[in-house]
C-alpha cells in the first residue's frame, strides 16, 4: 500500500479489519509476514491450520456493508472500536 499521508496504510488496515469484524468475517489473509503487520496482531500459521480456518471462514455469511450501509462512509471510531473492544 502506498499513500502520500504518513501512516495512511495503517488507518486503512484498521478500517478494513473493523469492517470485517463487524460484518462477521473470521479470517483475513495477509499473505506475508512483516513487523508492520505484527503490530496489528498478525499470526503466522501453518498451511494446514490456514486451510482449516479457511474452511470454517467460508461457511460464515459475512456482510461487508454492515457498518454504514451500502455506499456510505463509516466513521473511523466505529472501526477502531470494533478491533479494540475487550470483553
PDB file of N, CA and C in Angstrom:
ATOM      1  N   UNK A   1       0.849  -1.175   0.000  1.00  0.00           N
ATOM      2  CA  UNK A   1       0.000   0.000   0.000  1.00  0.00           C
ATOM      3  C   UNK A   1       0.899   1.244   0.000  1.00  0.00           C
ATOM      4  N   UNK A   2       0.493   2.201  -0.787  1.00  0.00           N
ATOM      5  CA  UNK A   2       1.242   3.445  -0.869  1.00  0.00           C
ATOM      6  C   UNK A   2       0.294   4.613  -0.676  1.00  0.00           C
ATOM      7  N   UNK A   3       0.802   5.642  -0.045  1.00  0.00           N
ATOM      8  CA  UNK A   3      -0.001   6.849   0.126  1.00  0.00           C
ATOM      9  C   UNK A   3       0.920   8.025   0.346  1.00  0.00           C
ATOM     10  N   UNK A   4       0.386   9.201   0.188  1.00  0.00           N
ATOM     11  CA  UNK A   4       1.167  10.414   0.424  1.00  0.00           C
ATOM     12  C   UNK A   4       1.130  10.830   1.885  1.00  0.00           C
ATOM     13  N   UNK A   5       0.136  10.367   2.607  1.00  0.00           N
ATOM     14  CA  UNK A   5      -0.018  10.735   4.017  1.00  0.00           C
ATOM     15  C   UNK A   5       0.666   9.693   4.903  1.00  0.00           C
ATOM     16  N   UNK A   6       1.358  10.152   5.922  1.00  0.00           N
ATOM     17  CA  UNK A   6       2.026   9.264   6.860  1.00  0.00           C
ATOM     18  C   UNK A   6       1.020   8.357   7.548  1.00  0.00           C
ATOM     19  N   UNK A   7       1.333   7.081   7.597  1.00  0.00           N
ATOM     20  CA  UNK A   7       0.539   6.056   8.288  1.00  0.00           C
ATOM     21  C   UNK A   7      -0.865   5.853   7.706  1.00  0.00           C
ATOM     22  N   UNK A   8      -1.121   6.323   6.513  1.00  0.00           N
ATOM     23  CA  UNK A   8      -2.446   6.135   5.912  1.00  0.00           C
ATOM     24  C   UNK A   8      -2.759   4.656   5.718  1.00  0.00           C
ATOM     25  N   UNK A   9      -1.747   3.853   5.409  1.00  0.00           N
ATOM     26  CA  UNK A   9      -1.999   2.417   5.219  1.00  0.00           C
ATOM     27  C   UNK A   9      -2.426   1.765   6.532  1.00  0.00           C
ATOM     28  N   UNK A  10      -1.898   2.241   7.651  1.00  0.00           N
ATOM     29  CA  UNK A  10      -2.301   1.703   8.956  1.00  0.00           C
ATOM     30  C   UNK A  10      -3.765   2.041   9.244  1.00  0.00           C
ATOM     31  N   UNK A  11      -4.151   3.244   8.925  1.00  0.00           N
ATOM     32  CA  UNK A  11      -5.539   3.665   9.130  1.00  0.00           C
ATOM     33  C   UNK A  11      -6.468   2.853   8.238  1.00  0.00           C
ATOM     34  N   UNK A  12      -6.054   2.637   6.990  1.00  0.00           N
ATOM     35  CA  UNK A  12      -6.871   1.836   6.071  1.00  0.00           C
ATOM     36  C   UNK A  12      -7.016   0.409   6.579  1.00  0.00           C
ATOM     37  N   UNK A  13      -5.945  -0.156   7.121  1.00  0.00           N
ATOM     38  CA  UNK A  13      -6.000  -1.519   7.647  1.00  0.00           C
ATOM     39  C   UNK A  13      -6.917  -1.599   8.863  1.00  0.00           C
ATOM     40  N   UNK A  14      -6.830  -0.630   9.762  1.00  0.00           N
ATOM     41  CA  UNK A  14      -7.716  -0.602  10.933  1.00  0.00           C
ATOM     42  C   UNK A  14      -9.171  -0.523  10.478  1.00  0.00           C
ATOM     43  N   UNK A  15      -9.437   0.316   9.509  1.00  0.00           N
ATOM     44  CA  UNK A  15     -10.803   0.453   8.988  1.00  0.00           C
ATOM     45  C   UNK A  15     -11.282  -0.864   8.379  1.00  0.00           C
ATOM     46  N   UNK A  16     -10.427  -1.500   7.572  1.00  0.00           N
ATOM     47  CA  UNK A  16     -10.802  -2.767   6.946  1.00  0.00           C
ATOM     48  C   UNK A  16     -11.080  -3.836   7.996  1.00  0.00           C
ATOM     49  N   UNK A  17     -10.186  -3.984   8.959  1.00  0.00           N
ATOM     50  CA  UNK A  17     -10.360  -5.016   9.988  1.00  0.00           C
ATOM     51  C   UNK A  17     -11.616  -4.758  10.814  1.00  0.00           C
ATOM     52  N   UNK A  18     -11.855  -3.499  11.176  1.00  0.00           N
ATOM     53  CA  UNK A  18     -13.077  -3.162  11.920  1.00  0.00           C
ATOM     54  C   UNK A  18     -14.325  -3.519  11.132  1.00  0.00           C
ATOM     55  N   UNK A  19     -14.327  -3.208   9.852  1.00  0.00           N
ATOM     56  CA  UNK A  19     -15.467  -3.525   8.991  1.00  0.00           C
ATOM     57  C   UNK A  19     -15.664  -5.035   8.877  1.00  0.00           C
ATOM     58  N   UNK A  20     -14.572  -5.783   8.737  1.00  0.00           N
ATOM     59  CA  UNK A  20     -14.667  -7.241   8.632  1.00  0.00           C
ATOM     60  C   UNK A  20     -15.185  -7.860   9.925  1.00  0.00           C
ATOM     61  N   UNK A  21     -14.668  -7.402  11.059  1.00  0.00           N
ATOM     62  CA  UNK A  21     -15.132  -7.924  12.346  1.00  0.00           C
ATOM     63  C   UNK A  21     -16.628  -7.645  12.511  1.00  0.00           C
ATOM     64  N   UNK A  22     -17.023  -6.409  12.262  1.00  0.00           N
ATOM     65  CA  UNK A  22     -18.424  -6.022  12.418  1.00  0.00           C
ATOM     66  C   UNK A  22     -19.326  -6.811  11.480  1.00  0.00           C
ATOM     67  N   UNK A  23     -18.808  -7.149  10.301  1.00  0.00           N
ATOM     68  CA  UNK A  23     -19.590  -7.885   9.319  1.00  0.00           C
ATOM     69  C   UNK A  23     -19.594  -9.387   9.516  1.00  0.00           C
ATOM     70  N   UNK A  24     -18.893  -9.874  10.533  1.00  0.00           N
ATOM     71  CA  UNK A  24     -18.918 -11.299  10.832  1.00  0.00           C
ATOM     72  C   UNK A  24     -17.845 -12.127  10.156  1.00  0.00           C
ATOM     73  N   UNK A  25     -16.909 -11.480   9.489  1.00  0.00           N
ATOM     74  CA  UNK A  25     -15.817 -12.216   8.856  1.00  0.00           C
ATOM     75  C   UNK A  25     -14.872 -12.753   9.928  1.00  0.00           C
ATOM     76  N   UNK A  26     -14.268 -13.899   9.657  1.00  0.00           N
ATOM     77  CA  UNK A  26     -13.433 -14.543  10.669  1.00  0.00           C
ATOM     78  C   UNK A  26     -11.991 -14.740  10.246  1.00  0.00           C
ATOM     79  N   UNK A  27     -11.637 -14.371   9.016  1.00  0.00           N
ATOM     80  CA  UNK A  27     -10.282 -14.610   8.535  1.00  0.00           C
ATOM     81  C   UNK A  27      -9.869 -13.513   7.570  1.00  0.00           C
ATOM     82  N   UNK A  28      -8.660 -13.002   7.745  1.00  0.00           N
ATOM     83  CA  UNK A  28      -8.060 -12.050   6.811  1.00  0.00           C
ATOM     84  C   UNK A  28      -6.677 -12.581   6.480  1.00  0.00           C
ATOM     85  N   UNK A  29      -6.446 -12.923   5.238  1.00  0.00           N
ATOM     86  CA  UNK A  29      -5.162 -13.481   4.798  1.00  0.00           C
ATOM     87  C   UNK A  29      -4.246 -12.346   4.371  1.00  0.00           C
ATOM     88  N   UNK A  30      -3.224 -12.077   5.168  1.00  0.00           N
ATOM     89  CA  UNK A  30      -2.273 -11.019   4.849  1.00  0.00           C
ATOM     90  C   UNK A  30      -1.272 -11.465   3.790  1.00  0.00           C
ATOM     91  N   UNK A  31      -1.097 -12.751   3.614  1.00  0.00           N
ATOM     92  CA  UNK A  31      -0.253 -13.392   2.615  1.00  0.00           C
ATOM     93  C   UNK A  31       1.245 -13.240   2.851  1.00  0.00           C
ATOM     94  N   UNK A  32       1.657 -12.365   3.713  1.00  0.00           N
ATOM     95  CA  UNK A  32       3.072 -12.267   4.052  1.00  0.00           C
ATOM     96  C   UNK A  32       3.233 -11.745   5.466  1.00  0.00           C
ATOM     97  N   UNK A  33       4.363 -12.001   6.042  1.00  0.00           N
ATOM     98  CA  UNK A  33       4.631 -11.686   7.445  1.00  0.00           C
ATOM     99  C   UNK A  33       5.688 -10.587   7.502  1.00  0.00           C
ATOM    100  N   UNK A  34       5.387  -9.514   8.216  1.00  0.00           N
ATOM    101  CA  UNK A  34       6.379  -8.460   8.419  1.00  0.00           C
ATOM    102  C   UNK A  34       6.089  -7.726   9.733  1.00  0.00           C
ATOM    103  N   UNK A  35       7.059  -6.985  10.237  1.00  0.00           N
ATOM    104  CA  UNK A  35       6.878  -6.273  11.509  1.00  0.00           C
ATOM    105  C   UNK A  35       5.716  -5.279  11.491  1.00  0.00           C
ATOM    106  N   UNK A  36       5.470  -4.664  10.351  1.00  0.00           N
ATOM    107  CA  UNK A  36       4.358  -3.710  10.238  1.00  0.00           C
ATOM    108  C   UNK A  36       3.037  -4.398  10.561  1.00  0.00           C
ATOM    109  N   UNK A  37       2.825  -5.597  10.024  1.00  0.00           N
ATOM    110  CA  UNK A  37       1.577  -6.309  10.272  1.00  0.00           C
ATOM    111  C   UNK A  37       1.551  -6.957  11.645  1.00  0.00           C
ATOM    112  N   UNK A  38       2.725  -7.273  12.197  1.00  0.00           N
ATOM    113  CA  UNK A  38       2.782  -7.848  13.547  1.00  0.00           C
ATOM    114  C   UNK A  38       2.151  -6.919  14.572  1.00  0.00           C
ATOM    115  N   UNK A  39       2.334  -5.621  14.402  1.00  0.00           N
ATOM    116  CA  UNK A  39       1.788  -4.672  15.380  1.00  0.00           C
ATOM    117  C   UNK A  39       0.263  -4.675  15.392  1.00  0.00           C
ATOM    118  N   UNK A  40      -0.345  -5.268  14.377  1.00  0.00           N
ATOM    119  CA  UNK A  40      -1.800  -5.369  14.312  1.00  0.00           C
ATOM    120  C   UNK A  40      -2.296  -6.758  14.675  1.00  0.00           C
ATOM    121  N   UNK A  41      -1.403  -7.603  15.189  1.00  0.00           N
ATOM    122  CA  UNK A  41      -1.811  -8.926  15.646  1.00  0.00           C
ATOM    123  C   UNK A  41      -1.657 -10.037  14.630  1.00  0.00           C
ATOM    124  N   UNK A  42      -0.842  -9.818  13.602  1.00  0.00           N
ATOM    125  CA  UNK A  42      -0.606 -10.861  12.606  1.00  0.00           C
ATOM    126  C   UNK A  42      -0.157 -12.148  13.282  1.00  0.00           C
ATOM    127  N   UNK A  43      -0.735 -13.229  12.865  1.00  0.00           N
ATOM    128  CA  UNK A  43      -0.375 -14.543  13.408  1.00  0.00           C
ATOM    129  C   UNK A  43       0.046 -15.422  12.240  1.00  0.00           C
ATOM    130  N   UNK A  44       1.302 -15.868  12.244  1.00  0.00           N
ATOM    131  CA  UNK A  44       1.773 -16.765  11.193  1.00  0.00           C
ATOM    132  C   UNK A  44       1.350 -18.183  11.547  1.00  0.00           C
ATOM    133  N   UNK A  45       0.697 -18.853  10.612  1.00  0.00           N
ATOM    134  CA  UNK A  45       0.167 -20.192  10.861  1.00  0.00           C
ATOM    135  C   UNK A  45       0.621 -21.141   9.748  1.00  0.00           C
ATOM    136  N   UNK A  46       0.531 -22.419  10.014  1.00  0.00           N
ATOM    137  CA  UNK A  46       0.905 -23.418   9.022  1.00  0.00           C
ATOM    138  C   UNK A  46      -0.150 -23.485   7.917  1.00  0.00           C
ATOM    139  N   UNK A  47       0.234 -24.076   6.806  1.00  0.00           N
ATOM    140  CA  UNK A  47      -0.690 -24.245   5.686  1.00  0.00           C
ATOM    141  C   UNK A  47      -1.916 -25.059   6.107  1.00  0.00           C
ATOM    142  N   UNK A  48      -1.691 -26.136   6.874  1.00  0.00           N
ATOM    143  CA  UNK A  48      -2.813 -26.960   7.325  1.00  0.00           C
ATOM    144  C   UNK A  48      -3.763 -26.185   8.230  1.00  0.00           C
ATOM    145  N   UNK A  49      -3.200 -25.385   9.132  1.00  0.00           N
ATOM    146  CA  UNK A  49      -4.036 -24.558  10.010  1.00  0.00           C
ATOM    147  C   UNK A  49      -4.821 -23.544   9.183  1.00  0.00           C
ATOM    148  N   UNK A  50      -4.146 -22.936   8.214  1.00  0.00           N
ATOM    149  CA  UNK A  50      -4.827 -21.969   7.350  1.00  0.00           C
ATOM    150  C   UNK A  50      -5.980 -22.626   6.605  1.00  0.00           C
ATOM    151  N   UNK A  51      -5.737 -23.785   6.046  1.00  0.00           N
ATOM    152  CA  UNK A  51      -6.806 -24.474   5.305  1.00  0.00           C
ATOM    153  C   UNK A  51      -8.005 -24.783   6.211  1.00  0.00           C
ATOM    154  N   UNK A  52      -7.728 -25.188   7.452  1.00  0.00           N
ATOM    155  CA  UNK A  52      -8.822 -25.443   8.397  1.00  0.00           C
ATOM    156  C   UNK A  52      -9.603 -24.183   8.719  1.00  0.00           C
ATOM    157  N   UNK A  53      -8.881 -23.084   8.962  1.00  0.00           N
ATOM    158  CA  UNK A  53      -9.562 -21.816   9.257  1.00  0.00           C
ATOM    159  C   UNK A  53     -10.308 -21.281   8.040  1.00  0.00           C
ATOM    160  N   UNK A  54      -9.720 -21.467   6.852  1.00  0.00           N
ATOM    161  CA  UNK A  54     -10.389 -21.042   5.635  1.00  0.00           C
ATOM    162  C   UNK A  54     -11.671 -21.834   5.427  1.00  0.00           C
ATOM    163  N   UNK A  55     -11.620 -23.129   5.648  1.00  0.00           N
ATOM    164  CA  UNK A  55     -12.802 -23.985   5.508  1.00  0.00           C
ATOM    165  C   UNK A  55     -13.917 -23.480   6.423  1.00  0.00           C
ATOM    166  N   UNK A  56     -13.569 -23.126   7.667  1.00  0.00           N
ATOM    167  CA  UNK A  56     -14.565 -22.606   8.604  1.00  0.00           C
ATOM    168  C   UNK A  56     -15.055 -21.220   8.180  1.00  0.00           C
ATOM    169  N   UNK A  57     -14.133 -20.366   7.744  1.00  0.00           N
ATOM    170  CA  UNK A  57     -14.492 -18.994   7.373  1.00  0.00           C
ATOM    171  C   UNK A  57     -15.427 -18.954   6.165  1.00  0.00           C
ATOM    172  N   UNK A  58     -15.257 -19.879   5.255  1.00  0.00           N
ATOM    173  CA  UNK A  58     -16.102 -19.899   4.056  1.00  0.00           C
ATOM    174  C   UNK A  58     -17.541 -20.297   4.352  1.00  0.00           C
ATOM    175  N   UNK A  59     -17.783 -20.811   5.528  1.00  0.00           N
ATOM    176  CA  UNK A  59     -19.132 -21.201   5.917  1.00  0.00           C
ATOM    177  C   UNK A  59     -19.868 -20.098   6.679  1.00  0.00           C
ATOM    178  N   UNK A  60     -19.211 -18.971   6.861  1.00  0.00           N
ATOM    179  CA  UNK A  60     -19.805 -17.827   7.564  1.00  0.00           C
ATOM    180  C   UNK A  60     -20.307 -16.830   6.522  1.00  0.00           C
ATOM    181  N   UNK A  61     -21.515 -16.361   6.716  1.00  0.00           N
ATOM    182  CA  UNK A  61     -22.090 -15.351   5.825  1.00  0.00           C
ATOM    183  C   UNK A  61     -21.675 -13.974   6.324  1.00  0.00           C
ATOM    184  N   UNK A  62     -20.710 -13.361   5.664  1.00  0.00           N
ATOM    185  CA  UNK A  62     -20.245 -12.041   6.056  1.00  0.00           C
ATOM    186  C   UNK A  62     -21.026 -10.950   5.346  1.00  0.00           C
ATOM    187  N   UNK A  63     -21.088  -9.779   5.974  1.00  0.00           N
ATOM    188  CA  UNK A  63     -21.753  -8.624   5.381  1.00  0.00           C
ATOM    189  C   UNK A  63     -20.792  -7.439   5.429  1.00  0.00           C
ATOM    190  N   UNK A  64     -20.106  -7.210   4.319  1.00  0.00           N
ATOM    191  CA  UNK A  64     -19.109  -6.152   4.250  1.00  0.00           C
ATOM    192  C   UNK A  64     -19.718  -4.768   4.484  1.00  0.00           C
ATOM    193  N   UNK A  65     -21.002  -4.620   4.189  1.00  0.00           N
ATOM    194  CA  UNK A  65     -21.661  -3.319   4.298  1.00  0.00           C
ATOM    195  C   UNK A  65     -22.467  -3.159   5.582  1.00  0.00           C
ATOM    196  N   UNK A  66     -22.195  -3.968   6.590  1.00  0.00           N
ATOM    197  CA  UNK A  66     -22.975  -3.891   7.822  1.00  0.00           C
ATOM    198  C   UNK A  66     -22.711  -2.610   8.608  1.00  0.00           C
ATOM    199  N   UNK A  67     -21.583  -1.963   8.367  1.00  0.00           N
ATOM    200  CA  UNK A  67     -21.301  -0.670   9.004  1.00  0.00           C
ATOM    201  C   UNK A  67     -21.602   0.422   7.990  1.00  0.00           C
ATOM    202  N   UNK A  68     -22.497   1.312   8.313  1.00  0.00           N
ATOM    203  CA  UNK A  68     -22.739   2.478   7.484  1.00  0.00           C
ATOM    204  C   UNK A  68     -23.654   2.282   6.298  1.00  0.00           C
ATOM    205  N   UNK A  69     -24.008   1.067   5.971  1.00  0.00           N
ATOM    206  CA  UNK A  69     -24.871   0.832   4.820  1.00  0.00           C
ATOM    207  C   UNK A  69     -24.108   0.879   3.510  1.00  0.00           C
ATOM    208  N   UNK A  70     -24.692   0.390   2.468  1.00  0.00           N
ATOM    209  CA  UNK A  70     -24.036   0.325   1.153  1.00  0.00           C
ATOM    210  C   UNK A  70     -23.724   1.723   0.629  1.00  0.00           C
ATOM    211  N   UNK A  71     -22.458   1.896   0.268  1.00  0.00           N
ATOM    212  CA  UNK A  71     -22.039   3.129  -0.366  1.00  0.00           C
ATOM    213  C   UNK A  71     -21.844   4.297   0.570  1.00  0.00           C
ATOM    214  N   UNK A  72     -22.111   4.133   1.835  1.00  0.00           N
ATOM    215  CA  UNK A  72     -21.944   5.233   2.782  1.00  0.00           C
ATOM    216  C   UNK A  72     -20.625   5.084   3.523  1.00  0.00           C
ATOM    217  N   UNK A  73     -20.017   6.191   3.862  1.00  0.00           N
ATOM    218  CA  UNK A  73     -18.756   6.126   4.585  1.00  0.00           C
ATOM    219  C   UNK A  73     -19.002   5.710   6.034  1.00  0.00           C
ATOM    220  N   UNK A  74     -17.968   5.156   6.628  1.00  0.00           N
ATOM    221  CA  UNK A  74     -18.048   4.684   8.003  1.00  0.00           C
ATOM    222  C   UNK A  74     -17.197   5.569   8.894  1.00  0.00           C
ATOM    223  N   UNK A  75     -17.706   5.931  10.031  1.00  0.00           N
ATOM    224  CA  UNK A  75     -16.919   6.707  10.975  1.00  0.00           C
ATOM    225  C   UNK A  75     -15.740   5.885  11.447  1.00  0.00           C
ATOM    226  N   UNK A  76     -14.559   6.488  11.485  1.00  0.00           N
ATOM    227  CA  UNK A  76     -13.363   5.779  11.910  1.00  0.00           C
ATOM    228  C   UNK A  76     -13.467   5.233  13.316  1.00  0.00           C
ATOM    229  N   UNK A  77     -14.201   5.918  14.178  1.00  0.00           N
ATOM    230  CA  UNK A  77     -14.324   5.463  15.560  1.00  0.00           C
ATOM    231  C   UNK A  77     -15.049   4.124  15.643  1.00  0.00           C
ATOM    232  N   UNK A  78     -15.970   3.860  14.721  1.00  0.00           N
ATOM    233  CA  UNK A  78     -16.686   2.579  14.704  1.00  0.00           C
ATOM    234  C   UNK A  78     -15.720   1.441  14.387  1.00  0.00           C
ATOM    235  N   UNK A  79     -14.852   1.646  13.407  1.00  0.00           N
ATOM    236  CA  UNK A  79     -13.865   0.639  13.034  1.00  0.00           C
ATOM    237  C   UNK A  79     -12.870   0.416  14.164  1.00  0.00           C
ATOM    238  N   UNK A  80     -12.377   1.494  14.737  1.00  0.00           N
ATOM    239  CA  UNK A  80     -11.418   1.380  15.829  1.00  0.00           C
ATOM    240  C   UNK A  80     -12.023   0.669  17.027  1.00  0.00           C
ATOM    241  N   UNK A  81     -13.254   0.995  17.372  1.00  0.00           N
ATOM    242  CA  UNK A  81     -13.926   0.348  18.492  1.00  0.00           C
ATOM    243  C   UNK A  81     -14.085  -1.142  18.225  1.00  0.00           C
ATOM    244  N   UNK A  82     -14.359  -1.515  16.992  1.00  0.00           N
ATOM    245  CA  UNK A  82     -14.572  -2.935  16.649  1.00  0.00           C
ATOM    246  C   UNK A  82     -13.329  -3.777  16.898  1.00  0.00           C
ATOM    247  N   UNK A  83     -12.132  -3.194  16.736  1.00  0.00           N
ATOM    248  CA  UNK A  83     -10.924  -4.001  16.908  1.00  0.00           C
ATOM    249  C   UNK A  83     -10.262  -3.804  18.268  1.00  0.00           C
ATOM    250  N   UNK A  84     -10.736  -2.862  19.074  1.00  0.00           N
ATOM    251  CA  UNK A  84     -10.107  -2.637  20.374  1.00  0.00           C
ATOM    252  C   UNK A  84     -10.998  -2.986  21.552  1.00  0.00           C
ATOM    253  N   UNK A  85     -12.249  -3.296  21.294  1.00  0.00           N
ATOM    254  CA  UNK A  85     -13.181  -3.594  22.379  1.00  0.00           C
ATOM    255  C   UNK A  85     -12.794  -4.890  23.088  1.00  0.00           C
ATOM    256  N   UNK A  86     -12.719  -4.869  24.388  1.00  0.00           N
ATOM    257  CA  UNK A  86     -12.345  -6.042  25.177  1.00  0.00           C
ATOM    258  C   UNK A  86     -13.600  -6.598  25.838  1.00  0.00           C
ATOM    259  N   UNK A  87     -13.618  -7.904  26.017  1.00  0.00           N
ATOM    260  CA  UNK A  87     -14.770  -8.496  26.703  1.00  0.00           C
ATOM    261  C   UNK A  87     -14.351  -9.058  28.044  1.00  0.00           C
TER     262      UNK A  87
END
